[in-house]
Amino acid sequence: MDPVILSEKPITSLYGTVLAVQANYYHVKLDTNELEDRCLLCTRRTRLKKIGQKVMVGDRVLVTEPDFQDGRGAISEVLQRKTELSRPPVANAEQILLVFALEEPSLDPWQLSRFLIKAESTALTLCLCLNKSDLISPQQQQAWQNRLNGWGYQSIFLSVTQDLGIEELLSRLQNKISILAGPSGVGKSSLINRLIPNIEQRVGSVSGKLLKGRHTTRHVELFDLPNSGLIADTPGFNQPDVDCTPDQLAYLFPEARQRLSQGNCQFNDCLHRLEPNCVVRGDWERYEHYLKFLEEAIVLQSNVSQLPDEETNLKLKVKSLGQSQYEPKLESKKYRRPSRKQNNQFLQERYENQNLRDLADTDEDW
C-alpha cells in the first residue's frame, strides 16, 4: 500500500509590522524568515473600521488569510501600542534620530533648540547627529562638542560623503524603531541612502540663494536597516511647534532638569522668570531660549483656554461595540431630522383624514 501523504495546513494568520500607509492600503512586513516575499499589501477589516481602529506606520498587526501568490492580505487586529506619535504618525517608536548640518546650511542654535524641545516632549530616547562634519575644522568641531555637552547632549559627528561616524550610528539604531527628523537640506535622505544601500531615495538639493533645504520626503515610511532595526524617514520641516504647557517647558531642557533635581523653587507654580528663590533662573546658555519658548507656551495656553468647552458643544455618542466619540450638538430644532415616531404619527393622521374624506363622499352619494 502506498503511504498516505498528509497535506500541510495552510497558513491562516501571521503577525507583522506596518511599514507604510498609502490611502487605504498597508504595506506589512511579516514576522517570518521562511518566505521569500515577506511583505504583503493589506487592507483593513471592516470590523476595525467600524470601531474606529486606525492603523499607523509601526503598528504590530495580525494579518489573516495571507495570499503570497498575489502578495495580498487583510489586517484583522492591531496590537497594543507601546508609544504613539501624531506628528509624524508613527507607532511603537523607541528613539528619535535628530540630524542637523554643521555647514551648508550652517547650524543655527535657536533652530536646534526648537527641534530638541520638540524631541524631548515625545519622551523618546534622543540621538543627536551633526552631519557634514568634514566642512569644518577639528577645532570648530571640538567647540561644538563642548557647547552641546553643556546643553546636556552627547552628539555623533557624521559625514555621509566621507563615510565618517556611520558605524557608530548603526550601533545606536540596532534592533530599534527610530524616527529620522530634522530640517530640510541637512542630508537626511543621503543618510538613508548610506544606511540602506539601493534604497534609491530621492536626494534634494540645497537652495543656493536661501541656503535652506528643499523638501524631498513627502510621507512617512519605515525602512529595514542592515542590523535588524527600522527607521522612519519623515518629511522635513523648519519650525516645529512648541505645544507644551508653561509648567512643563522647563523639564524639556536638560540643564533646567539638572537644576531642579538639586533643589526646589520657592513656589510650586514657578515659571522661572522673576520669581524669588528660583533654582532654574541663571546664566546657563539656553536660558534666553527658554524665556522665548515660555512666551509661546503662555500664548498657546491662553488661546486654548478661550476655546469653548468641549462638553457644552459636543455630545458623547456610545456605539454598539463600546466605542465612544463626541459629535457636534445641533443648536436649533429646525436642523434636526424628524424622529421615526413623528413620521409614523404624521402618516397615521394622513390615513385617518383620508378615511374621513372618503366617508363624507360616500354619505353625499347616498
Protein backbone atom coordinates (compact mmCIF):
# COMPACT_ATOMS: atom_id res chain seq x y z
CA MET A 1 0.00 0.00 0.00
CA ASP A 2 1.24 3.42 -0.90
CA PRO A 3 1.91 5.76 2.06
CA VAL A 4 -0.64 8.50 2.72
CA ILE A 5 0.83 11.95 2.33
CA LEU A 6 -0.82 14.48 4.60
CA SER A 7 -1.14 17.98 3.15
CA GLU A 8 0.28 20.81 5.19
CA LYS A 9 -2.20 23.04 6.95
CA PRO A 10 -2.39 26.41 5.13
CA ILE A 11 -1.21 29.49 6.95
CA THR A 12 -4.27 31.42 8.16
CA SER A 13 -2.68 34.28 10.10
CA LEU A 14 0.71 35.88 10.70
CA TYR A 15 1.98 38.80 12.74
CA GLY A 16 3.81 41.68 11.11
CA THR A 17 4.79 45.35 11.22
CA VAL A 18 3.23 48.10 9.11
CA LEU A 19 5.96 49.74 7.04
CA ALA A 20 3.90 52.24 5.05
CA VAL A 21 0.35 53.55 4.69
CA GLN A 22 -0.96 54.69 1.33
CA ALA A 23 -4.63 55.60 1.05
CA ASN A 24 -6.50 52.53 2.37
CA TYR A 25 -3.63 50.10 1.78
CA TYR A 26 -0.93 48.99 4.19
CA HIS A 27 2.48 47.52 3.43
CA VAL A 28 3.12 44.90 6.13
CA LYS A 29 6.42 43.12 6.81
CA LEU A 30 5.66 39.62 8.16
CA ASP A 31 7.49 38.01 11.08
CA THR A 32 8.94 35.04 9.23
CA ASN A 33 12.22 34.24 7.55
CA GLU A 34 10.90 31.19 5.71
CA LEU A 35 9.13 33.17 2.98
CA GLU A 36 10.96 34.81 0.15
CA ASP A 37 8.48 37.65 -0.14
CA ARG A 38 7.85 38.77 3.42
CA CYS A 39 5.88 41.93 2.57
CA LEU A 40 2.19 41.98 1.72
CA LEU A 41 -0.14 44.73 0.53
CA CYS A 42 -3.01 44.59 3.00
CA THR A 43 -6.40 46.11 3.56
CA ARG A 44 -8.17 46.73 6.87
CA ARG A 45 -11.04 44.54 8.01
CA THR A 46 -14.42 46.26 8.10
CA ARG A 47 -14.72 45.49 11.81
CA LEU A 48 -11.67 47.65 12.57
CA LYS A 49 -13.16 50.48 10.54
CA LYS A 50 -16.46 50.25 12.40
CA ILE A 51 -14.83 50.51 15.81
CA GLY A 52 -12.64 53.40 14.61
CA GLN A 53 -9.34 51.50 14.91
CA LYS A 54 -6.70 53.41 13.00
CA VAL A 55 -3.69 51.61 11.51
CA MET A 56 -0.41 53.54 11.71
CA VAL A 57 3.10 53.09 10.44
CA GLY A 58 4.94 50.98 13.02
CA ASP A 59 1.85 49.16 14.24
CA ARG A 60 2.13 45.50 15.16
CA VAL A 61 -0.76 43.78 13.37
CA LEU A 62 -2.28 40.37 12.73
CA VAL A 63 -2.71 39.53 9.04
CA THR A 64 -5.32 36.88 8.23
CA GLU A 65 -5.53 34.70 5.12
CA PRO A 66 -2.28 35.92 3.53
CA ASP A 67 -2.09 35.25 -0.19
CA PHE A 68 1.60 35.03 -1.06
CA GLN A 69 0.98 34.47 -4.76
CA ASP A 70 -0.88 37.76 -5.16
CA GLY A 71 1.01 39.45 -2.31
CA ARG A 72 -2.23 40.44 -0.55
CA GLY A 73 -3.68 40.10 2.93
CA ALA A 74 -6.08 41.67 5.43
CA ILE A 75 -5.34 43.24 8.82
CA SER A 76 -7.74 41.82 11.40
CA GLU A 77 -6.15 43.05 14.62
CA VAL A 78 -3.90 45.89 15.83
CA LEU A 79 -1.81 45.04 18.88
CA GLN A 80 -1.45 47.43 21.79
CA ARG A 81 0.99 50.25 21.09
CA LYS A 82 3.98 50.98 23.30
CA THR A 83 4.27 54.56 22.04
CA GLU A 84 2.25 56.70 19.65
CA LEU A 85 3.13 59.95 17.93
CA SER A 86 0.70 62.09 15.97
CA ARG A 87 3.31 64.14 14.13
CA PRO A 88 4.82 62.22 12.47
CA PRO A 89 2.16 59.48 12.74
CA VAL A 90 4.31 56.56 13.92
CA ALA A 91 3.54 53.86 16.48
CA ASN A 92 5.95 51.89 18.70
CA ALA A 93 8.95 54.16 18.01
CA GLU A 94 11.75 53.94 20.57
CA GLN A 95 14.07 56.81 19.70
CA ILE A 96 14.37 59.96 17.62
CA LEU A 97 17.37 60.40 15.35
CA LEU A 98 17.70 64.17 15.08
CA VAL A 99 20.00 65.21 12.22
CA PHE A 100 21.43 68.72 11.71
CA ALA A 101 24.15 70.01 9.40
CA LEU A 102 27.18 71.88 10.69
CA GLU A 103 27.53 73.76 7.40
CA GLU A 104 25.52 74.24 4.18
CA PRO A 105 23.28 75.26 5.87
CA SER A 106 25.18 76.41 8.94
CA LEU A 107 24.00 75.19 12.32
CA ASP A 108 21.56 77.62 13.98
CA PRO A 109 21.47 77.18 17.80
CA TRP A 110 17.95 78.63 18.05
CA GLN A 111 16.54 76.23 15.45
CA LEU A 112 18.41 73.32 17.02
CA SER A 113 16.94 74.18 20.44
CA ARG A 114 13.46 74.23 18.93
CA PHE A 115 13.90 70.74 17.49
CA LEU A 116 15.42 69.47 20.73
CA ILE A 117 12.44 70.74 22.73
CA LYS A 118 10.04 69.03 20.34
CA ALA A 119 12.03 65.78 20.55
CA GLU A 120 12.15 65.95 24.35
CA SER A 121 8.36 66.35 24.50
CA THR A 122 7.89 62.90 22.88
CA ALA A 123 9.61 61.17 25.83
CA LEU A 124 11.54 59.01 23.34
CA THR A 125 15.30 58.43 23.52
CA LEU A 126 17.13 61.17 21.63
CA CYS A 127 20.13 60.56 19.36
CA LEU A 128 21.63 63.81 18.03
CA CYS A 129 23.73 63.63 14.86
CA LEU A 130 25.64 66.50 13.25
CA ASN A 131 26.24 65.90 9.55
CA LYS A 132 28.78 67.46 7.15
CA SER A 133 31.47 67.48 9.81
CA ASP A 134 34.09 67.38 7.04
CA LEU A 135 33.22 71.00 6.19
CA ILE A 136 34.52 72.42 9.48
CA SER A 137 37.90 72.30 11.19
CA PRO A 138 38.72 69.94 14.11
CA GLN A 139 38.85 72.98 16.39
CA GLN A 140 35.33 74.05 15.37
CA GLN A 141 34.09 70.51 15.82
CA GLN A 142 35.54 70.36 19.33
CA ALA A 143 33.94 73.72 20.17
CA TRP A 144 30.51 72.45 19.11
CA GLN A 145 31.02 69.25 21.07
CA ASN A 146 31.85 71.18 24.25
CA ARG A 147 28.92 73.51 23.69
CA LEU A 148 26.41 70.69 23.26
CA ASN A 149 27.83 68.87 26.28
CA GLY A 150 26.94 71.99 28.25
CA TRP A 151 23.39 71.66 26.91
CA GLY A 152 23.29 68.06 28.16
CA TYR A 153 23.67 66.21 24.84
CA GLN A 154 26.25 63.77 23.53
CA SER A 155 26.26 64.07 19.74
CA ILE A 156 27.57 61.91 16.90
CA PHE A 157 29.57 63.78 14.24
CA LEU A 158 28.84 62.45 10.75
CA SER A 159 29.98 62.92 7.21
CA VAL A 160 27.92 60.92 4.75
CA THR A 161 30.19 61.83 1.86
CA GLN A 162 33.34 60.84 3.79
CA ASP A 163 31.71 57.84 5.49
CA LEU A 164 32.51 59.14 8.98
CA GLY A 165 30.54 58.09 12.07
CA ILE A 166 28.27 55.65 10.18
CA GLU A 167 29.27 52.54 12.14
CA GLU A 168 28.74 54.31 15.47
CA LEU A 169 25.30 55.43 14.32
CA LEU A 170 24.31 51.93 13.13
CA SER A 171 25.11 50.54 16.57
CA ARG A 172 22.73 53.09 18.11
CA LEU A 173 19.95 52.10 15.69
CA GLN A 174 20.30 48.34 16.09
CA ASN A 175 17.06 46.43 16.85
CA LYS A 176 15.07 49.63 17.38
CA ILE A 177 12.39 51.62 15.58
CA SER A 178 13.86 55.09 15.09
CA ILE A 179 12.34 58.27 13.69
CA LEU A 180 14.59 60.36 11.48
CA ALA A 181 13.88 64.08 11.92
CA GLY A 182 15.47 67.42 11.22
CA PRO A 183 15.17 70.43 8.94
CA SER A 184 15.36 70.11 5.16
CA GLY A 185 18.70 70.12 3.42
CA VAL A 186 20.80 68.63 6.24
CA GLY A 187 21.32 65.33 4.42
CA LYS A 188 18.64 63.06 5.85
CA SER A 189 17.82 61.36 2.55
CA SER A 190 21.54 60.99 1.78
CA LEU A 191 21.99 59.39 5.19
CA ILE A 192 19.15 56.97 4.48
CA ASN A 193 20.81 56.04 1.19
CA ARG A 194 24.07 55.34 3.02
CA LEU A 195 22.47 53.34 5.81
CA ILE A 196 20.32 51.29 3.43
CA PRO A 197 22.08 50.59 0.11
CA ASN A 198 20.00 50.50 -3.08
CA ILE A 199 17.04 52.23 -1.45
CA GLU A 200 17.04 54.83 -4.25
CA GLN A 201 15.79 57.65 -2.08
CA ARG A 202 15.44 60.95 -3.91
CA VAL A 203 18.08 63.35 -2.65
CA GLY A 204 17.15 67.01 -2.60
CA SER A 205 19.42 69.87 -3.39
CA VAL A 206 20.03 72.89 -1.21
CA SER A 207 18.86 76.27 -2.41
CA GLY A 208 21.94 78.31 -3.21
CA LYS A 209 20.10 81.57 -2.78
CA LEU A 210 18.49 80.99 0.63
CA LEU A 211 20.84 78.24 1.91
CA LYS A 212 17.77 76.34 3.08
CA GLY A 213 16.82 72.80 2.22
CA ARG A 214 14.07 71.81 -0.16
CA HIS A 215 11.57 69.19 0.91
CA THR A 216 12.22 65.77 -0.64
CA THR A 217 10.35 63.29 1.59
CA ARG A 218 6.54 63.51 1.33
CA HIS A 219 5.23 60.68 3.52
CA VAL A 220 6.23 58.51 6.48
CA GLU A 221 7.70 55.10 5.72
CA LEU A 222 9.72 52.52 7.68
CA PHE A 223 12.86 51.09 6.10
CA ASP A 224 14.81 47.96 7.07
CA LEU A 225 18.30 48.58 8.40
CA PRO A 226 21.13 46.07 7.87
CA ASN A 227 21.31 45.40 11.62
CA SER A 228 17.64 44.41 12.11
CA GLY A 229 16.45 47.89 13.01
CA LEU A 230 13.78 50.03 11.36
CA ILE A 231 13.97 53.73 10.60
CA ALA A 232 11.18 56.11 9.61
CA ASP A 233 12.05 58.88 7.20
CA THR A 234 9.74 61.83 7.88
CA PRO A 235 9.01 65.00 5.90
CA GLY A 236 11.41 67.76 6.90
CA PHE A 237 10.08 70.92 8.49
CA ASN A 238 11.92 74.02 9.62
CA GLN A 239 9.90 75.27 12.61
CA PRO A 240 8.28 72.60 14.80
CA ASP A 241 5.59 73.87 17.15
CA VAL A 242 6.09 74.35 20.88
CA ASP A 243 2.90 72.71 22.13
CA CYS A 244 3.69 72.06 25.80
CA THR A 245 2.23 73.92 28.78
CA PRO A 246 4.28 76.64 30.54
CA ASP A 247 4.82 74.49 33.64
CA GLN A 248 6.14 71.57 31.53
CA LEU A 249 8.63 73.57 29.47
CA ALA A 250 11.50 73.62 31.97
CA TYR A 251 11.57 69.81 32.13
CA LEU A 252 12.31 69.72 28.38
CA PHE A 253 15.70 71.37 28.99
CA PRO A 254 18.35 69.01 30.44
CA GLU A 255 20.10 71.99 32.04
CA ALA A 256 16.91 73.01 33.87
CA ARG A 257 16.13 69.40 34.84
CA GLN A 258 19.54 69.11 36.45
CA ARG A 259 18.99 72.27 38.48
CA LEU A 260 15.52 71.11 39.57
CA SER A 261 16.94 67.74 40.65
CA GLN A 262 19.30 69.54 43.03
CA GLY A 263 16.62 71.65 44.70
CA ASN A 264 13.13 73.12 44.51
CA CYS A 265 11.93 76.61 43.73
CA GLN A 266 10.20 78.58 46.49
CA PHE A 267 6.86 78.48 44.65
CA ASN A 268 5.28 75.35 43.22
CA ASP A 269 3.94 77.27 40.20
CA CYS A 270 7.27 78.97 39.49
CA LEU A 271 7.79 79.72 35.78
CA HIS A 272 11.48 80.55 36.40
CA ARG A 273 11.37 84.17 35.29
CA LEU A 274 11.33 86.81 38.03
CA GLU A 275 10.11 84.69 40.94
CA PRO A 276 12.29 84.87 44.09
CA ASN A 277 14.45 81.91 45.14
CA CYS A 278 14.19 80.20 41.73
CA VAL A 279 16.72 77.41 41.21
CA VAL A 280 16.38 77.39 37.40
CA ARG A 281 16.96 81.05 36.61
CA GLY A 282 20.63 81.66 35.95
CA ASP A 283 23.41 82.24 33.45
CA TRP A 284 23.18 78.97 31.51
CA GLU A 285 23.44 79.48 27.76
CA ARG A 286 19.95 78.46 26.66
CA TYR A 287 18.09 80.37 29.35
CA GLU A 288 17.20 83.07 26.81
CA HIS A 289 15.81 80.33 24.56
CA TYR A 290 13.73 79.11 27.48
CA LEU A 291 12.22 82.56 28.06
CA LYS A 292 11.23 82.93 24.39
CA PHE A 293 9.71 79.45 24.27
CA LEU A 294 7.89 80.25 27.52
CA GLU A 295 6.21 83.25 25.89
CA GLU A 296 4.97 80.99 23.09
CA ALA A 297 3.69 78.41 25.57
CA ILE A 298 1.82 81.09 27.56
CA VAL A 299 0.17 82.46 24.40
CA LEU A 300 -0.79 78.94 23.35
CA GLN A 301 -2.31 78.19 26.75
CA SER A 302 -4.26 81.47 26.66
CA ASN A 303 -5.66 80.67 23.22
CA VAL A 304 -6.65 77.15 24.29
CA SER A 305 -8.41 78.46 27.41
CA GLN A 306 -10.54 80.78 25.26
CA LEU A 307 -11.87 77.90 23.18
CA PRO A 308 -15.45 76.81 24.04
CA ASP A 309 -15.84 73.92 26.42
CA GLU A 310 -15.91 70.64 24.53
CA GLU A 311 -18.71 69.21 26.65
CA THR A 312 -21.01 72.17 26.00
CA ASN A 313 -20.66 71.98 22.22
CA LEU A 314 -20.32 68.23 21.75
CA LYS A 315 -22.39 65.25 22.78
CA LEU A 316 -20.99 61.85 23.68
CA LYS A 317 -22.29 59.05 21.50
CA VAL A 318 -21.63 55.45 22.57
CA LYS A 319 -21.61 52.89 19.79
CA SER A 320 -22.77 49.29 20.00
CA LEU A 321 -19.21 47.91 20.31
CA GLY A 322 -18.41 50.10 23.30
CA GLN A 323 -16.53 52.74 21.34
CA SER A 324 -17.43 56.33 22.14
CA GLN A 325 -16.90 59.59 20.32
CA TYR A 326 -18.01 63.22 20.52
CA GLU A 327 -20.37 64.59 17.89
CA PRO A 328 -21.45 68.23 17.37
CA LYS A 329 -24.68 69.24 19.04
CA LEU A 330 -27.39 70.82 16.91
CA GLU A 331 -28.18 74.28 18.22
CA SER A 332 -31.68 74.56 16.76
CA LYS A 333 -34.51 72.09 16.34
CA LYS A 334 -35.11 73.19 12.77
CA TYR A 335 -31.90 71.42 11.78
CA ARG A 336 -32.93 68.14 13.39
CA ARG A 337 -34.37 65.25 11.47
CA PRO A 338 -37.91 64.22 12.46
CA SER A 339 -37.90 61.08 14.56
CA ARG A 340 -39.41 57.80 13.41
CA LYS A 341 -42.23 58.25 15.91
CA GLN A 342 -43.09 61.67 14.45
CA ASN A 343 -43.08 60.23 10.93
CA ASN A 344 -45.44 57.42 11.98
CA GLN A 345 -47.80 59.87 13.70
CA PHE A 346 -47.85 62.05 10.59
CA LEU A 347 -48.64 59.09 8.32
CA GLN A 348 -51.36 57.86 10.71
CA GLU A 349 -53.04 61.29 10.76
CA ARG A 350 -52.98 61.47 6.96
CA TYR A 351 -54.51 57.99 6.75
CA GLU A 352 -57.32 58.85 9.21
CA ASN A 353 -58.07 62.18 7.46
CA GLN A 354 -58.25 60.43 4.10
CA ASN A 355 -60.70 57.87 5.52
CA LEU A 356 -62.92 60.65 6.86
CA ARG A 357 -62.95 62.39 3.47
CA ASP A 358 -63.83 59.11 1.72
CA LEU A 359 -66.66 58.50 4.20
CA ALA A 360 -68.06 62.03 3.62
CA ASP A 361 -68.04 61.47 -0.11
CA THR A 362 -69.96 58.21 0.36
CA ASP A 363 -72.63 59.95 2.52
CA GLU A 364 -73.23 62.55 -0.21
CA ASP A 365 -73.77 59.78 -2.74
CA TRP A 366 -76.46 58.32 -0.53
